[in-house]
Amino acid sequence: MKVQVKQLDGSVTGDIELPAVFSEEYRPDLIKRAVLALQSTRYQPHGSYPYAGIRTSAHSWGSGRGVAHVPRIKNASRAARVPQARGGREAHPPKVIKVLVEKINRKERRKALKSAIAATGHEELARARGHRFDVPLPIVVEDRFESLTKADDVVTAIRALGAYEDIERSRESKKVRAGRGKVRGRRFKQRKSLLIITAGEPLRAAKNLPGVDAVSVTQLNTELLAPGTHAGRLSIWTESAIRQLEGLQ
């Protein structure tokens, strides 16, 4: 299948044959597994202090007192150390030795990546994610796009390509998070917008645009292509990035 290659002003400069990866079967089950496995590598192990609740002088009174055999504070009668006592140890505390990383087979991970790449060319999946655009997918732009050094020039090009409305959608979606996350370094939440894929270095001029991620084709992973495990992210590919996908196995 061929798609149009556009210039920075939005005009068509030619067409390009899409690699075979864009014909990959859509597998939302594998994509979800791959994204969750990737996210699990960022979990921070945590556990309680091993001696929490048991550093006490408490010991049991034994039989013959007419009371339960729970440990009690010396020179007092308050129960301690056991889970049912106030200030006692926790019954099953979290432990740092717990395995948090989810594993996924290498072939499944590759299949998920190829499926997520193919999903960037499905308009119905992109619209289901809430993206706004008025051009056919996938969007392929000439390689001069990679040489832009100013954010204003990037915005002008994205407007000409018909995808700037999605950036505005992301800007308007910024909200204060509900709950305790506000005091844990994640006060705001915002919807994802464009993913810009280049052949060389990531496009630095686009890094501050709302919801936009800019990566090179060698940095692609399923989480970038399918945020929240939902595939079909609106993406802009450069011509050279498309050509590099031809060798993807």
C-alpha atoms as a PDB file:
ATOM      1  CA  MET A   1       0.000   0.000   0.000  1.00  0.00           C
ATOM      2  CA  LYS A   2       1.251   3.473  -0.881  1.00  0.00           C
ATOM      3  CA  VAL A   3       0.685   6.689   1.068  1.00  0.00           C
ATOM      4  CA  GLN A   4       1.404  10.298   0.237  1.00  0.00           C
ATOM      5  CA  VAL A   5       4.559  12.032   1.454  1.00  0.00           C
ATOM      6  CA  LYS A   6       3.867  15.635   2.386  1.00  0.00           C
ATOM      7  CA  GLN A   7       6.074  18.698   2.450  1.00  0.00           C
ATOM      8  CA  LEU A   8       6.258  21.100   5.387  1.00  0.00           C
ATOM      9  CA  ASP A   9       3.580  23.298   3.807  1.00  0.00           C
ATOM     10  CA  GLY A  10       1.162  20.367   3.497  1.00  0.00           C
ATOM     11  CA  SER A  11       1.518  19.863  -0.244  1.00  0.00           C
ATOM     12  CA  VAL A  12       2.148  16.398  -1.638  1.00  0.00           C
ATOM     13  CA  THR A  13       5.673  15.726  -2.856  1.00  0.00           C
ATOM     14  CA  GLY A  14       5.231  12.069  -3.829  1.00  0.00           C
ATOM     15  CA  ASP A  15       4.290   8.727  -2.350  1.00  0.00           C
ATOM     16  CA  ILE A  16       6.000   5.884  -0.507  1.00  0.00           C
ATOM     17  CA  GLU A  17       5.338   2.177  -0.219  1.00  0.00           C
ATOM     18  CA  LEU A  18       4.471   1.225   3.355  1.00  0.00           C
ATOM     19  CA  PRO A  19       6.560  -1.593   4.867  1.00  0.00           C
ATOM     20  CA  ALA A  20       4.986  -4.971   5.548  1.00  0.00           C
ATOM     21  CA  VAL A  21       4.741  -4.150   9.261  1.00  0.00           C
ATOM     22  CA  PHE A  22       1.755  -1.882   8.524  1.00  0.00           C
ATOM     23  CA  SER A  23      -0.182  -4.976   7.387  1.00  0.00           C
ATOM     24  CA  GLU A  24       0.319  -6.685  10.749  1.00  0.00           C
ATOM     25  CA  GLU A  25      -2.717  -8.163  12.507  1.00  0.00           C
ATOM     26  CA  TYR A  26      -4.237  -5.993  15.256  1.00  0.00           C
ATOM     27  CA  ARG A  27      -3.689  -7.799  18.569  1.00  0.00           C
ATOM     28  CA  PRO A  28      -4.981  -5.690  21.488  1.00  0.00           C
ATOM     29  CA  ASP A  29      -4.384  -8.575  23.909  1.00  0.00           C
ATOM     30  CA  LEU A  30      -0.657  -8.730  23.145  1.00  0.00           C
ATOM     31  CA  ILE A  31      -0.346  -4.943  23.125  1.00  0.00           C
ATOM     32  CA  LYS A  32      -1.854  -4.737  26.594  1.00  0.00           C
ATOM     33  CA  ARG A  33       0.469  -7.441  27.927  1.00  0.00           C
ATOM     34  CA  ALA A  34       3.518  -5.731  26.456  1.00  0.00           C
ATOM     35  CA  VAL A  35       2.606  -2.309  27.868  1.00  0.00           C
ATOM     36  CA  LEU A  36       1.915  -3.672  31.360  1.00  0.00           C
ATOM     37  CA  ALA A  37       5.173  -5.647  31.299  1.00  0.00           C
ATOM     38  CA  LEU A  38       7.058  -2.482  30.348  1.00  0.00           C
ATOM     39  CA  GLN A  39       5.358  -0.426  33.045  1.00  0.00           C
ATOM     40  CA  SER A  40       6.093  -3.080  35.686  1.00  0.00           C
ATOM     41  CA  THR A  41       9.838  -2.445  35.317  1.00  0.00           C
ATOM     42  CA  ARG A  42       9.308   1.011  36.822  1.00  0.00           C
ATOM     43  CA  TYR A  43       7.605  -0.211  39.990  1.00  0.00           C
ATOM     44  CA  GLN A  44       9.583   0.675  43.115  1.00  0.00           C
ATOM     45  CA  PRO A  45       9.904  -2.198  45.618  1.00  0.00           C
ATOM     46  CA  HIS A  46       8.783  -1.259  49.100  1.00  0.00           C
ATOM     47  CA  GLY A  47       8.437  -3.042  52.395  1.00  0.00           C
ATOM     48  CA  SER A  48       8.027  -2.393  56.094  1.00  0.00           C
ATOM     49  CA  TYR A  49      10.806  -2.273  58.684  1.00  0.00           C
ATOM     50  CA  PRO A  50      11.469  -5.943  59.630  1.00  0.00           C
ATOM     51  CA  TYR A  51      11.248  -5.223  63.364  1.00  0.00           C
ATOM     52  CA  ALA A  52       8.224  -2.921  63.224  1.00  0.00           C
ATOM     53  CA  GLY A  53       5.838  -3.701  66.071  1.00  0.00           C
ATOM     54  CA  ILE A  54       7.991  -6.374  67.718  1.00  0.00           C
ATOM     55  CA  ARG A  55      10.664  -4.301  69.449  1.00  0.00           C
ATOM     56  CA  THR A  56       8.975  -4.495  72.821  1.00  0.00           C
ATOM     57  CA  SER A  57       9.432  -6.043  76.238  1.00  0.00           C
ATOM     58  CA  ALA A  58       6.126  -7.929  75.981  1.00  0.00           C
ATOM     59  CA  HIS A  59       5.914 -11.588  76.956  1.00  0.00           C
ATOM     60  CA  SER A  60       3.051 -13.924  77.754  1.00  0.00           C
ATOM     61  CA  TRP A  61       1.873 -14.390  81.351  1.00  0.00           C
ATOM     62  CA  GLY A  62       1.227 -18.056  80.681  1.00  0.00           C
ATOM     63  CA  SER A  63      -1.563 -20.104  82.244  1.00  0.00           C
ATOM     64  CA  GLY A  64      -3.301 -19.601  85.555  1.00  0.00           C
ATOM     65  CA  ARG A  65      -4.132 -15.876  85.270  1.00  0.00           C
ATOM     66  CA  GLY A  66      -7.540 -16.232  83.629  1.00  0.00           C
ATOM     67  CA  VAL A  67      -6.429 -14.114  80.663  1.00  0.00           C
ATOM     68  CA  ALA A  68      -5.429 -14.802  77.058  1.00  0.00           C
ATOM     69  CA  HIS A  69      -1.882 -16.003  76.376  1.00  0.00           C
ATOM     70  CA  VAL A  70      -0.991 -12.943  74.263  1.00  0.00           C
ATOM     71  CA  PRO A  71       2.288 -11.115  74.964  1.00  0.00           C
ATOM     72  CA  ARG A  72       1.831  -8.240  77.399  1.00  0.00           C
ATOM     73  CA  ILE A  73       4.027  -5.248  78.223  1.00  0.00           C
ATOM     74  CA  LYS A  74       6.217  -5.763  81.318  1.00  0.00           C
ATOM     75  CA  ASN A  75       4.928  -3.978  84.412  1.00  0.00           C
ATOM     76  CA  ALA A  76       1.590  -3.487  82.645  1.00  0.00           C
ATOM     77  CA  SER A  77      -1.186  -5.560  81.148  1.00  0.00           C
ATOM     78  CA  ARG A  78      -1.553  -4.115  77.647  1.00  0.00           C
ATOM     79  CA  ALA A  79      -1.192  -6.630  74.801  1.00  0.00           C
ATOM     80  CA  ALA A  80       1.612  -6.012  72.316  1.00  0.00           C
ATOM     81  CA  ARG A  81       3.587  -7.575  69.437  1.00  0.00           C
ATOM     82  CA  VAL A  82       0.733  -9.702  68.026  1.00  0.00           C
ATOM     83  CA  PRO A  83      -1.199  -8.422  64.977  1.00  0.00           C
ATOM     84  CA  GLN A  84      -4.483  -8.022  66.882  1.00  0.00           C
ATOM     85  CA  ALA A  85      -2.872  -5.712  69.460  1.00  0.00           C
ATOM     86  CA  ARG A  86      -2.718  -1.959  69.127  1.00  0.00           C
ATOM     87  CA  GLY A  87       0.748  -1.054  67.864  1.00  0.00           C
ATOM     88  CA  GLY A  88       1.538  -4.697  67.142  1.00  0.00           C
ATOM     89  CA  ARG A  89       3.207  -6.099  64.066  1.00  0.00           C
ATOM     90  CA  GLU A  90       1.379  -6.219  60.753  1.00  0.00           C
ATOM     91  CA  ALA A  91       0.150  -9.693  59.859  1.00  0.00           C
ATOM     92  CA  HIS A  92       1.345  -9.799  56.233  1.00  0.00           C
ATOM     93  CA  PRO A  93       3.410  -6.667  55.508  1.00  0.00           C
ATOM     94  CA  PRO A  94       4.751  -5.835  52.022  1.00  0.00           C
ATOM     95  CA  LYS A  95       8.222  -7.218  51.381  1.00  0.00           C
ATOM     96  CA  VAL A  96      10.932  -5.857  49.094  1.00  0.00           C
ATOM     97  CA  ILE A  97      11.678  -9.383  47.855  1.00  0.00           C
ATOM     98  CA  LYS A  98       8.336  -9.556  46.062  1.00  0.00           C
ATOM     99  CA  VAL A  99       8.773  -9.959  42.295  1.00  0.00           C
ATOM    100  CA  LEU A 100       7.045  -6.982  40.658  1.00  0.00           C
ATOM    101  CA  VAL A 101       8.296  -7.309  37.081  1.00  0.00           C
ATOM    102  CA  GLU A 102       5.940  -9.067  34.685  1.00  0.00           C
ATOM    103  CA  LYS A 103       7.584 -11.162  31.993  1.00  0.00           C
ATOM    104  CA  ILE A 104       6.561 -11.459  28.364  1.00  0.00           C
ATOM    105  CA  ASN A 105       7.996 -13.728  25.696  1.00  0.00           C
ATOM    106  CA  ARG A 106      10.340 -12.077  23.204  1.00  0.00           C
ATOM    107  CA  LYS A 107       8.267 -13.138  20.192  1.00  0.00           C
ATOM    108  CA  GLU A 108       5.097 -11.843  21.827  1.00  0.00           C
ATOM    109  CA  ARG A 109       6.766  -8.509  22.597  1.00  0.00           C
ATOM    110  CA  ARG A 110       7.913  -8.145  18.990  1.00  0.00           C
ATOM    111  CA  LYS A 111       4.479  -9.124  17.708  1.00  0.00           C
ATOM    112  CA  ALA A 112       2.897  -6.512  20.017  1.00  0.00           C
ATOM    113  CA  LEU A 113       5.286  -3.804  18.786  1.00  0.00           C
ATOM    114  CA  LYS A 114       4.549  -4.557  15.132  1.00  0.00           C
ATOM    115  CA  SER A 115       0.819  -4.642  15.835  1.00  0.00           C
ATOM    116  CA  ALA A 116       1.007  -1.260  17.613  1.00  0.00           C
ATOM    117  CA  ILE A 117       2.940   0.221  14.674  1.00  0.00           C
ATOM    118  CA  ALA A 118       0.295  -1.042  12.240  1.00  0.00           C
ATOM    119  CA  ALA A 119      -2.447   0.444  14.445  1.00  0.00           C
ATOM    120  CA  THR A 120      -1.077   3.970  13.840  1.00  0.00           C
ATOM    121  CA  GLY A 121      -2.461   3.664  10.311  1.00  0.00           C
ATOM    122  CA  HIS A 122      -6.030   2.792  11.402  1.00  0.00           C
ATOM    123  CA  GLU A 123      -8.190   5.902  11.503  1.00  0.00           C
ATOM    124  CA  GLU A 124     -10.974   4.229  13.493  1.00  0.00           C
ATOM    125  CA  LEU A 125      -8.552   3.273  16.284  1.00  0.00           C
ATOM    126  CA  ALA A 126      -7.101   6.793  16.411  1.00  0.00           C
ATOM    127  CA  ARG A 127     -10.562   8.353  16.634  1.00  0.00           C
ATOM    128  CA  ALA A 128     -11.541   5.838  19.321  1.00  0.00           C
ATOM    129  CA  ARG A 129      -8.630   7.174  21.389  1.00  0.00           C
ATOM    130  CA  GLY A 130     -10.084  10.680  21.001  1.00  0.00           C
ATOM    131  CA  HIS A 131      -7.522  12.051  18.546  1.00  0.00           C
ATOM    132  CA  ARG A 132      -8.613  14.881  16.250  1.00  0.00           C
ATOM    133  CA  PHE A 133      -7.319  15.117  12.684  1.00  0.00           C
ATOM    134  CA  ASP A 134      -8.614  15.726   9.189  1.00  0.00           C
ATOM    135  CA  VAL A 135      -6.100  13.822   7.048  1.00  0.00           C
ATOM    136  CA  PRO A 136      -5.764  10.154   6.112  1.00  0.00           C
ATOM    137  CA  LEU A 137      -3.422   8.005   8.187  1.00  0.00           C
ATOM    138  CA  PRO A 138      -0.566   7.319   8.483  1.00  0.00           C
ATOM    139  CA  ILE A 139       0.889  10.838   8.216  1.00  0.00           C
ATOM    140  CA  VAL A 140       4.260  10.815   6.446  1.00  0.00           C
ATOM    141  CA  VAL A 141       6.294  14.002   6.056  1.00  0.00           C
ATOM    142  CA  GLU A 142       9.512  14.751   4.188  1.00  0.00           C
ATOM    143  CA  ASP A 143      12.849  14.468   5.974  1.00  0.00           C
ATOM    144  CA  ARG A 144      13.282  18.260   6.217  1.00  0.00           C
ATOM    145  CA  PHE A 145      10.896  18.013   9.171  1.00  0.00           C
ATOM    146  CA  GLU A 146      13.743  16.489  11.222  1.00  0.00           C
ATOM    147  CA  SER A 147      15.916  19.578  10.754  1.00  0.00           C
ATOM    148  CA  LEU A 148      13.443  22.043  12.341  1.00  0.00           C
ATOM    149  CA  THR A 149      14.960  23.750  15.376  1.00  0.00           C
ATOM    150  CA  LYS A 150      12.182  26.108  16.495  1.00  0.00           C
ATOM    151  CA  ALA A 151       8.880  25.163  18.115  1.00  0.00           C
ATOM    152  CA  ASP A 152       7.060  27.776  16.011  1.00  0.00           C
ATOM    153  CA  ASP A 153       8.265  26.095  12.829  1.00  0.00           C
ATOM    154  CA  VAL A 154       7.124  22.696  14.128  1.00  0.00           C
ATOM    155  CA  VAL A 155       3.692  24.106  14.990  1.00  0.00           C
ATOM    156  CA  THR A 156       3.393  25.652  11.526  1.00  0.00           C
ATOM    157  CA  ALA A 157       4.250  22.336   9.887  1.00  0.00           C
ATOM    158  CA  ILE A 158       1.821  20.375  12.073  1.00  0.00           C
ATOM    159  CA  ARG A 159      -0.935  22.863  11.208  1.00  0.00           C
ATOM    160  CA  ALA A 160      -0.229  22.333   7.506  1.00  0.00           C
ATOM    161  CA  LEU A 161      -0.313  18.572   8.001  1.00  0.00           C
ATOM    162  CA  GLY A 162      -3.789  18.799   9.572  1.00  0.00           C
ATOM    163  CA  ALA A 163      -2.975  17.489  13.050  1.00  0.00           C
ATOM    164  CA  TYR A 164      -2.633  20.598  15.219  1.00  0.00           C
ATOM    165  CA  GLU A 165      -6.198  20.315  16.528  1.00  0.00           C
ATOM    166  CA  ASP A 166      -5.080  17.286  18.518  1.00  0.00           C
ATOM    167  CA  ILE A 167      -2.424  19.330  20.331  1.00  0.00           C
ATOM    168  CA  GLU A 168      -5.086  21.866  21.289  1.00  0.00           C
ATOM    169  CA  ARG A 169      -7.223  19.006  22.606  1.00  0.00           C
ATOM    170  CA  SER A 170      -4.335  17.925  24.828  1.00  0.00           C
ATOM    171  CA  ARG A 171      -3.734  21.486  26.071  1.00  0.00           C
ATOM    172  CA  GLU A 172      -7.385  21.861  27.063  1.00  0.00           C
ATOM    173  CA  SER A 173      -7.403  18.510  28.867  1.00  0.00           C
ATOM    174  CA  LYS A 174      -4.907  19.509  31.569  1.00  0.00           C
ATOM    175  CA  LYS A 175      -6.621  19.027  34.946  1.00  0.00           C
ATOM    176  CA  VAL A 176      -5.639  18.791  38.600  1.00  0.00           C
ATOM    177  CA  ARG A 177      -5.554  15.161  39.639  1.00  0.00           C
ATOM    178  CA  ALA A 178      -8.076  13.908  42.190  1.00  0.00           C
ATOM    179  CA  GLY A 179      -6.685  12.225  45.287  1.00  0.00           C
ATOM    180  CA  ARG A 180      -3.349  11.999  47.064  1.00  0.00           C
ATOM    181  CA  GLY A 181      -1.369  12.028  43.831  1.00  0.00           C
ATOM    182  CA  LYS A 182      -1.499  15.837  44.029  1.00  0.00           C
ATOM    183  CA  VAL A 183       1.131  15.785  46.795  1.00  0.00           C
ATOM    184  CA  ARG A 184       3.245  13.001  45.274  1.00  0.00           C
ATOM    185  CA  GLY A 185       4.735  14.775  42.296  1.00  0.00           C
ATOM    186  CA  ARG A 186       1.892  14.124  39.830  1.00  0.00           C
ATOM    187  CA  ARG A 187      -0.416  17.065  40.467  1.00  0.00           C
ATOM    188  CA  PHE A 188      -1.646  17.383  36.886  1.00  0.00           C
ATOM    189  CA  LYS A 189      -2.848  14.887  34.335  1.00  0.00           C
ATOM    190  CA  GLN A 190      -3.077  15.495  30.615  1.00  0.00           C
ATOM    191  CA  ARG A 191      -4.103  13.510  27.557  1.00  0.00           C
ATOM    192  CA  LYS A 192      -1.492  12.251  25.122  1.00  0.00           C
ATOM    193  CA  SER A 193      -1.296  13.932  21.734  1.00  0.00           C
ATOM    194  CA  LEU A 194       1.011  13.363  18.753  1.00  0.00           C
ATOM    195  CA  LEU A 195       3.873  10.920  18.564  1.00  0.00           C
ATOM    196  CA  ILE A 196       6.604  12.226  16.247  1.00  0.00           C
ATOM    197  CA  ILE A 197       8.896   9.496  14.912  1.00  0.00           C
ATOM    198  CA  THR A 198      12.148  10.473  13.184  1.00  0.00           C
ATOM    199  CA  ALA A 199      14.991   8.453  11.698  1.00  0.00           C
ATOM    200  CA  GLY A 200      17.777  10.339  13.475  1.00  0.00           C
ATOM    201  CA  GLU A 201      17.764  12.183  16.766  1.00  0.00           C
ATOM    202  CA  PRO A 202      14.377  12.917  18.403  1.00  0.00           C
ATOM    203  CA  LEU A 203      12.878  16.254  17.366  1.00  0.00           C
ATOM    204  CA  ARG A 204      13.895  18.481  20.274  1.00  0.00           C
ATOM    205  CA  ALA A 205      11.871  21.440  19.007  1.00  0.00           C
ATOM    206  CA  ALA A 206       8.641  19.524  19.698  1.00  0.00           C
ATOM    207  CA  LYS A 207       9.384  18.340  23.229  1.00  0.00           C
ATOM    208  CA  ASN A 208       7.468  21.159  24.965  1.00  0.00           C
ATOM    209  CA  LEU A 209       4.270  20.908  22.901  1.00  0.00           C
ATOM    210  CA  PRO A 210       1.308  19.699  25.011  1.00  0.00           C
ATOM    211  CA  GLY A 211       0.982  15.923  25.018  1.00  0.00           C
ATOM    212  CA  VAL A 212       3.580  15.441  22.272  1.00  0.00           C
ATOM    213  CA  ASP A 213       6.314  12.783  22.436  1.00  0.00           C
ATOM    214  CA  ALA A 214       9.228  12.860  19.995  1.00  0.00           C
ATOM    215  CA  VAL A 215      11.375   9.749  19.557  1.00  0.00           C
ATOM    216  CA  SER A 216      13.608   8.134  16.984  1.00  0.00           C
ATOM    217  CA  VAL A 217      12.418   4.994  15.261  1.00  0.00           C
ATOM    218  CA  THR A 218      14.953   2.928  17.245  1.00  0.00           C
ATOM    219  CA  GLN A 219      13.369   4.096  20.533  1.00  0.00           C
ATOM    220  CA  LEU A 220       9.860   2.932  19.702  1.00  0.00           C
ATOM    221  CA  ASN A 221       8.062   0.740  22.208  1.00  0.00           C
ATOM    222  CA  THR A 222       4.489  -0.380  22.764  1.00  0.00           C
ATOM    223  CA  GLU A 223       3.835   2.106  25.575  1.00  0.00           C
ATOM    224  CA  LEU A 224       4.664   5.074  23.316  1.00  0.00           C
ATOM    225  CA  LEU A 225       2.506   3.685  20.512  1.00  0.00           C
ATOM    226  CA  ALA A 226      -0.334   2.578  22.803  1.00  0.00           C
ATOM    227  CA  PRO A 227      -0.532   4.784  25.931  1.00  0.00           C
ATOM    228  CA  GLY A 228      -2.764   3.255  28.566  1.00  0.00           C
ATOM    229  CA  THR A 229      -2.657  -0.032  26.581  1.00  0.00           C
ATOM    230  CA  HIS A 230      -4.920   1.495  23.883  1.00  0.00           C
ATOM    231  CA  ALA A 231      -3.376   1.338  20.407  1.00  0.00           C
ATOM    232  CA  GLY A 232      -3.920   3.785  17.573  1.00  0.00           C
ATOM    233  CA  ARG A 233      -1.937   6.834  18.731  1.00  0.00           C
ATOM    234  CA  LEU A 234      -1.900   9.665  16.202  1.00  0.00           C
ATOM    235  CA  SER A 235       1.630   9.644  14.793  1.00  0.00           C
ATOM    236  CA  ILE A 236       3.729  11.647  12.348  1.00  0.00           C
ATOM    237  CA  TRP A 237       6.423   9.658  10.553  1.00  0.00           C
ATOM    238  CA  THR A 238       9.286  11.082   8.563  1.00  0.00           C
ATOM    239  CA  GLU A 239      10.053   9.442   5.225  1.00  0.00           C
ATOM    240  CA  SER A 240      13.358   8.013   6.442  1.00  0.00           C
ATOM    241  CA  ALA A 241      11.720   6.597   9.586  1.00  0.00           C
ATOM    242  CA  ILE A 242       9.249   4.702   7.397  1.00  0.00           C
ATOM    243  CA  ARG A 243      12.118   3.288   5.330  1.00  0.00           C
ATOM    244  CA  GLN A 244      13.904   2.085   8.474  1.00  0.00           C
ATOM    245  CA  LEU A 245      10.867  -0.031   9.366  1.00  0.00           C
ATOM    246  CA  GLU A 246      11.408  -2.177   6.270  1.00  0.00           C
ATOM    247  CA  GLY A 247      13.986  -4.290   8.099  1.00  0.00           C
ATOM    248  CA  LEU A 248      11.879  -4.745  11.240  1.00  0.00           C
ATOM    249  CA  GLN A 249      11.547  -8.438  12.096  1.00  0.00           C
END
